[in-house]
Amino acid sequence: MPDDTSIELTFPRGLPGFEDQNRFILLQQEALAPILVLKSAAASELRFYAVSVWMVDSEYQIGISDDDLSVLKLERPLCRDEGVLCLAILSPAEGEGFTANLLAPVVVNTQNGIGVQAVRCDTRYSHRVPLEALCS
């Protein structure tokens, strides 16, 4: 995404805990880079901060169900930089800064703007990866 841009995304199933929210705006602002903002189009107070999973783990491997692939209208294998945006949602960690959720990344088909939060069926990654990983 170019600096200071936004794109509208559709999440047919919403996000876990926010299933009624199907449209989000992904904002990239130069002042926040590399952090992106995923904001609900219907409820502007609902927003998530995210980074590319590959900024947290350069060797990250997408694990996604066939059902999620169907929603996204994608086929296997999914590879970095091949029409897929894969984001880790950031969460505050009490007294520890922020952590990144690599267990359930937001995966977006950049060709059609459809997204899902793809909860992995394995435990290869954690939902609380310390953001110090961005600095290493």
Protein backbone atom coordinates (compact mmCIF):
# COMPACT_ATOMS: atom_id res chain seq x y z
CA MET A 1 0.00 0.00 0.00
CA PRO A 2 1.29 3.51 -0.77
CA ASP A 3 1.72 5.96 2.14
CA ASP A 4 -1.43 7.59 3.61
CA THR A 5 -3.93 5.39 1.79
CA SER A 6 -7.02 3.41 2.62
CA ILE A 7 -8.80 0.47 1.07
CA GLU A 8 -12.19 -1.01 1.87
CA LEU A 9 -12.29 -4.68 2.77
CA THR A 10 -15.18 -7.10 3.10
CA PHE A 11 -15.19 -9.76 5.81
CA PRO A 12 -18.16 -12.02 4.92
CA ARG A 13 -18.07 -13.65 8.39
CA GLY A 14 -16.91 -10.57 10.29
CA LEU A 15 -14.10 -11.05 12.79
CA PRO A 16 -14.28 -13.35 15.83
CA GLY A 17 -16.26 -11.48 18.47
CA PHE A 18 -17.45 -8.95 15.88
CA GLU A 19 -19.35 -11.17 13.44
CA ASP A 20 -21.84 -8.37 12.68
CA GLN A 21 -19.05 -6.13 11.33
CA ASN A 22 -18.47 -7.04 7.68
CA ARG A 23 -16.89 -3.93 6.19
CA PHE A 24 -13.58 -2.53 7.35
CA ILE A 25 -11.25 0.18 6.13
CA LEU A 26 -7.53 -0.61 6.13
CA LEU A 27 -5.57 2.58 6.71
CA GLN A 28 -1.90 3.10 6.16
CA GLN A 29 -0.54 6.36 7.51
CA GLU A 30 3.07 7.33 7.13
CA ALA A 31 3.18 8.58 10.74
CA LEU A 32 2.22 5.10 12.07
CA ALA A 33 4.27 2.96 9.68
CA PRO A 34 4.75 0.02 9.79
CA ILE A 35 1.53 -0.22 11.83
CA LEU A 36 -1.75 -0.35 9.92
CA VAL A 37 -5.22 0.48 11.24
CA LEU A 38 -8.18 -1.82 10.51
CA LYS A 39 -11.30 0.23 11.27
CA SER A 40 -14.94 -0.83 11.06
CA ALA A 41 -16.80 1.08 8.35
CA ALA A 42 -20.02 0.96 10.41
CA ALA A 43 -18.67 1.53 13.93
CA SER A 44 -15.73 3.94 13.70
CA GLU A 45 -14.81 3.38 17.36
CA LEU A 46 -14.04 -0.27 16.53
CA ARG A 47 -10.46 -0.42 15.31
CA PHE A 48 -7.53 -2.75 15.43
CA TYR A 49 -3.84 -2.07 14.95
CA ALA A 50 -1.89 -4.58 12.88
CA VAL A 51 1.43 -5.27 11.20
CA SER A 52 2.51 -7.68 8.50
CA VAL A 53 3.12 -11.12 9.99
CA TRP A 54 6.46 -11.13 8.16
CA MET A 55 7.62 -8.10 10.13
CA VAL A 56 7.21 -10.15 13.30
CA ASP A 57 8.54 -13.44 11.86
CA SER A 58 10.29 -13.27 8.48
CA GLU A 59 9.83 -17.05 8.08
CA TYR A 60 6.10 -17.03 8.90
CA GLN A 61 4.11 -19.70 7.06
CA ILE A 62 0.41 -19.13 6.45
CA GLY A 63 -1.78 -21.93 7.79
CA ILE A 64 -5.34 -21.61 6.54
CA SER A 65 -8.35 -23.91 6.29
CA ASP A 66 -9.97 -24.90 3.02
CA ASP A 67 -13.12 -23.14 4.23
CA ASP A 68 -11.24 -19.85 4.69
CA LEU A 69 -9.61 -20.27 1.27
CA SER A 70 -13.06 -20.71 -0.24
CA VAL A 71 -14.32 -17.50 1.39
CA LEU A 72 -11.26 -15.64 0.10
CA LYS A 73 -11.64 -17.23 -3.35
CA LEU A 74 -8.03 -18.39 -3.24
CA GLU A 75 -6.25 -21.67 -3.84
CA ARG A 76 -3.25 -23.30 -2.20
CA PRO A 77 -0.40 -22.66 -1.82
CA LEU A 78 -0.51 -19.18 -0.35
CA CYS A 79 2.80 -17.39 -0.59
CA ARG A 80 4.11 -14.08 0.62
CA ASP A 81 3.65 -11.22 -1.85
CA GLU A 82 1.39 -13.24 -4.16
CA GLY A 83 -1.91 -11.40 -3.91
CA VAL A 84 -2.22 -12.00 -0.18
CA LEU A 85 -1.94 -9.58 2.71
CA CYS A 86 -1.39 -11.32 6.04
CA LEU A 87 -1.66 -9.18 9.17
CA ALA A 88 -1.05 -9.83 12.85
CA ILE A 89 -3.47 -7.99 15.13
CA LEU A 90 -1.70 -6.13 17.94
CA SER A 91 -2.85 -6.29 21.56
CA PRO A 92 -1.64 -4.44 24.64
CA ALA A 93 0.17 -6.66 27.12
CA GLU A 94 -0.06 -5.52 30.72
CA GLY A 95 3.19 -3.74 31.52
CA GLU A 96 4.92 -5.26 28.50
CA GLY A 97 4.00 -3.09 25.51
CA PHE A 98 2.23 -4.87 22.68
CA THR A 99 2.04 -8.42 21.38
CA ALA A 100 1.21 -9.72 17.89
CA ASN A 101 -1.31 -12.47 17.19
CA LEU A 102 0.37 -14.91 14.80
CA LEU A 103 -2.06 -17.71 15.71
CA ALA A 104 -5.03 -16.01 14.01
CA PRO A 105 -3.82 -13.58 11.34
CA VAL A 106 -6.10 -11.47 9.20
CA VAL A 107 -5.67 -12.76 5.64
CA VAL A 108 -6.84 -10.59 2.73
CA ASN A 109 -7.11 -11.45 -0.95
CA THR A 110 -5.71 -8.22 -2.42
CA GLN A 111 -7.37 -8.90 -5.78
CA ASN A 112 -10.96 -8.81 -4.48
CA GLY A 113 -10.65 -7.15 -1.04
CA ILE A 114 -12.15 -10.12 0.81
CA GLY A 115 -10.70 -10.94 4.23
CA VAL A 116 -10.96 -13.50 7.02
CA GLN A 117 -9.34 -13.91 10.38
CA ALA A 118 -7.76 -17.29 9.77
CA VAL A 119 -7.52 -19.10 13.11
CA ARG A 120 -4.89 -21.80 12.75
CA CYS A 121 -5.73 -25.38 13.72
CA ASP A 122 -2.20 -25.98 15.04
CA THR A 123 -0.15 -24.36 17.80
CA ARG A 124 2.91 -23.50 15.72
CA TYR A 125 2.53 -19.81 16.55
CA SER A 126 1.34 -17.87 19.58
CA HIS A 127 -1.38 -15.25 19.90
CA ARG A 128 0.98 -13.22 22.16
CA VAL A 129 4.30 -12.74 20.35
CA PRO A 130 6.16 -9.81 21.97
CA LEU A 131 6.69 -6.92 19.58
CA GLU A 132 10.39 -6.79 20.41
CA ALA A 133 10.50 -9.25 17.54
CA LEU A 134 10.05 -6.23 15.26
CA CYS A 135 13.37 -4.88 16.41
CA SER A 136 15.39 -8.07 16.02
